Amino acid sequence: MTDSSRSVKIDRVSAGRYVVSNERGGTLPVGGDDFTPVELLLAAIGTCTAIDTDTVTSRRAEPTGFTITVSGDKVSDKENGNRMTNLSVTFDVTFPEGPAGDEARTLLPRTVKLSHDRLCTVSRTVELGTPVNTTIA
């Protein structure tokens, strides 16, 4: 695998239940009462931009609150198949009073926009659209 390649492995645990793993040893349960694939897509979009934003703003001040809500509508379309529409990422971030908090608050809108427009690989891929090739080994 090259430095730019990314992959995960998905193993079936039981009917409708899977475990996603990465090369670093991280695991994530999917299915059943755990996350659905659509929820993982929403989580990927939100955490991608959260990491970008948090990295920059927390250098100025540690947030006193940091919550991101990602939502959308799942639609079934006979012509285009199932998909998500109306995707929305909402930041609810607060910083302490004082000069450091003021600087972080000032940076927040610009950092969120930069993440959305350039940095977040996940949302950029969704917005630009990338073909997915499916094969059987």
Foldseek 3Di string as FASTA:
>chain_A
DDPPDFDWDWDDPDVQWIWIAGPVGDIAIEGDPGHHPVVVLQVLQAVLLQVQLCVPLVVLFNWPDWDKDWDFDWDADPVPGTDTPPIDIDIDIAGDDDDSRVVSVVCRVVSSVCCQPPNRPSNVCVVVDDDDDDDDD
